[in-house]
């Protein structure tokens, strides 16, 4: 994870998101080829080849800090990451992440109320996917 630490610190306003966040939370089988970093929609930056920039308007919703190898880095929480996966990635990737998060054996339970609140805030209907993932 040292690369993701360097990548997020190279973008001072950046937040780890999408595939990189799914990988950190261990709710994907995908191995990120780039470090996915969200930045505010109006910010302009230079980036390297190893960084995939995602421009988002709501950068505070679900933003948290995790410790990666002794370094504190900003990342969207699991619930925001799953909603963003449905909004911005393939449906297959998002459904798999949701199912993996719901059956997580790590002891960290997915907060379904928070997930639904984020979905409402970001104008995404998560309900049909929750029904299919839990039945």
Protein backbone atom coordinates (compact mmCIF):
# COMPACT_ATOMS: atom_id res chain seq x y z
CA UNK A 1 0.00 0.00 0.00
CA UNK A 2 3.02 2.29 0.02
CA UNK A 3 2.21 3.35 -3.54
CA UNK A 4 -1.28 4.49 -2.63
CA UNK A 5 0.17 6.54 0.23
CA UNK A 6 2.59 8.26 -2.14
CA UNK A 7 -0.16 8.75 -4.72
CA UNK A 8 -2.61 10.38 -2.33
CA UNK A 9 0.10 12.60 -0.85
CA UNK A 10 1.13 13.69 -4.36
CA UNK A 11 -2.40 15.11 -4.74
CA UNK A 12 -2.77 17.28 -1.63
CA UNK A 13 -6.57 17.56 -1.84
CA UNK A 14 -7.02 13.94 -2.92
CA UNK A 15 -9.00 11.14 -1.30
CA UNK A 16 -8.47 7.43 -2.06
CA UNK A 17 -11.56 6.15 -3.87
CA UNK A 18 -13.18 3.48 -6.04
CA UNK A 19 -10.96 0.53 -7.02
CA UNK A 20 -8.13 1.56 -4.68
CA UNK A 21 -10.54 1.93 -1.74
CA UNK A 22 -12.29 -1.36 -2.59
CA UNK A 23 -8.86 -3.05 -2.55
CA UNK A 24 -7.90 -1.49 0.80
CA UNK A 25 -11.23 -2.62 2.29
CA UNK A 26 -10.72 -6.07 0.69
CA UNK A 27 -14.11 -6.05 -1.03
CA UNK A 28 -12.91 -6.62 -4.57
CA UNK A 29 -10.93 -9.23 -6.47
CA UNK A 30 -9.57 -6.56 -8.80
CA UNK A 31 -5.99 -5.43 -8.48
CA UNK A 32 -5.74 -1.71 -9.20
CA UNK A 33 -3.38 -0.88 -12.06
CA UNK A 34 -3.49 2.76 -11.01
CA UNK A 35 -4.12 4.59 -7.74
CA UNK A 36 -7.65 6.00 -7.83
CA UNK A 37 -7.76 9.43 -6.23
CA UNK A 38 -10.81 11.71 -6.00
CA UNK A 39 -10.36 15.46 -6.20
CA UNK A 40 -12.82 18.35 -6.07
CA UNK A 41 -14.51 19.00 -9.38
CA UNK A 42 -13.02 22.48 -9.86
CA UNK A 43 -9.39 21.67 -9.00
CA UNK A 44 -6.76 21.36 -11.73
CA UNK A 45 -3.67 19.23 -11.08
CA UNK A 46 -0.80 17.49 -12.83
CA UNK A 47 -0.76 13.74 -12.32
CA UNK A 48 1.57 10.87 -12.98
CA UNK A 49 0.81 7.74 -14.98
CA UNK A 50 0.15 5.73 -11.83
CA UNK A 51 -2.70 8.00 -10.67
CA UNK A 52 -6.28 7.84 -11.95
CA UNK A 53 -8.04 11.11 -11.10
CA UNK A 54 -11.79 11.08 -10.44
CA UNK A 55 -13.49 14.48 -10.17
CA UNK A 56 -16.29 14.62 -7.61
CA UNK A 57 -18.48 17.44 -6.33
CA UNK A 58 -19.19 16.06 -2.85
CA UNK A 59 -15.80 15.41 -1.30
CA UNK A 60 -16.89 15.44 2.35
CA UNK A 61 -19.59 12.74 2.29
CA UNK A 62 -18.07 9.57 3.76
CA UNK A 63 -14.54 10.95 3.93
CA UNK A 64 -12.53 9.33 6.69
CA UNK A 65 -8.90 8.67 7.62
CA UNK A 66 -7.23 5.26 7.74
CA UNK A 67 -3.81 4.19 8.88
CA UNK A 68 -1.78 2.58 6.09
CA UNK A 69 1.60 1.46 7.30
CA UNK A 70 1.71 4.10 10.04
CA UNK A 71 0.63 6.94 7.73
CA UNK A 72 -2.78 8.60 8.01
CA UNK A 73 -4.44 8.93 4.58
CA UNK A 74 -7.86 10.22 3.49
CA UNK A 75 -10.21 7.64 2.01
CA UNK A 76 -13.94 7.34 1.46
CA UNK A 77 -15.56 4.89 3.87
CA UNK A 78 -16.85 1.50 2.71
CA UNK A 79 -20.44 2.67 2.28
CA UNK A 80 -19.52 5.70 0.14
CA UNK A 81 -17.09 3.57 -1.86
CA UNK A 82 -19.83 1.04 -2.68
CA UNK A 83 -22.29 3.76 -3.76
CA UNK A 84 -19.58 5.36 -5.93
CA UNK A 85 -18.83 1.94 -7.43
CA UNK A 86 -22.45 1.67 -8.57
CA UNK A 87 -22.37 5.22 -9.91
CA UNK A 88 -18.96 5.19 -11.61
CA UNK A 89 -17.78 1.62 -12.20
CA UNK A 90 -19.28 -1.44 -13.83
CA UNK A 91 -22.40 -2.95 -12.32
CA UNK A 92 -20.58 -6.28 -11.99
CA UNK A 93 -17.77 -4.72 -9.93
CA UNK A 94 -20.24 -2.85 -7.72
CA UNK A 95 -22.51 -5.85 -7.07
CA UNK A 96 -19.53 -8.03 -6.21
CA UNK A 97 -18.23 -5.38 -3.78
CA UNK A 98 -21.64 -5.08 -2.13
CA UNK A 99 -21.94 -8.85 -1.71
CA UNK A 100 -18.40 -9.13 -0.35
CA UNK A 101 -19.06 -6.28 2.11
CA UNK A 102 -22.31 -7.83 3.28
CA UNK A 103 -20.62 -11.18 3.90
CA UNK A 104 -17.45 -9.64 5.30
CA UNK A 105 -15.69 -11.94 7.68
CA UNK A 106 -13.41 -9.16 8.90
CA UNK A 107 -15.82 -8.30 11.69
CA UNK A 108 -16.57 -4.87 10.20
CA UNK A 109 -20.25 -4.78 9.36
CA UNK A 110 -21.58 -2.67 6.54
CA UNK A 111 -23.80 0.12 7.91
CA UNK A 112 -26.96 -0.28 5.81
CA UNK A 113 -28.54 2.92 7.13
CA UNK A 114 -25.46 4.90 6.17
CA UNK A 115 -25.36 3.15 2.78
CA UNK A 116 -28.98 4.12 2.10
CA UNK A 117 -28.42 7.71 3.32
CA UNK A 118 -25.42 8.09 1.00
CA UNK A 119 -27.40 6.61 -1.89
CA UNK A 120 -30.17 9.14 -1.31
CA UNK A 121 -27.70 12.03 -1.01
CA UNK A 122 -25.95 10.98 -4.23
CA UNK A 123 -29.26 10.26 -5.99
CA UNK A 124 -28.72 6.57 -6.56
CA UNK A 125 -31.38 3.91 -5.91
CA UNK A 126 -29.50 1.18 -4.02
CA UNK A 127 -32.65 -0.62 -2.82
CA UNK A 128 -33.01 -3.16 -5.71
CA UNK A 129 -29.34 -4.13 -5.35
CA UNK A 130 -29.69 -4.60 -1.59
CA UNK A 131 -32.71 -6.83 -2.13
CA UNK A 132 -30.92 -9.00 -4.71
CA UNK A 133 -27.71 -9.19 -2.65
CA UNK A 134 -29.48 -10.26 0.52
CA UNK A 135 -31.89 -12.82 -0.95
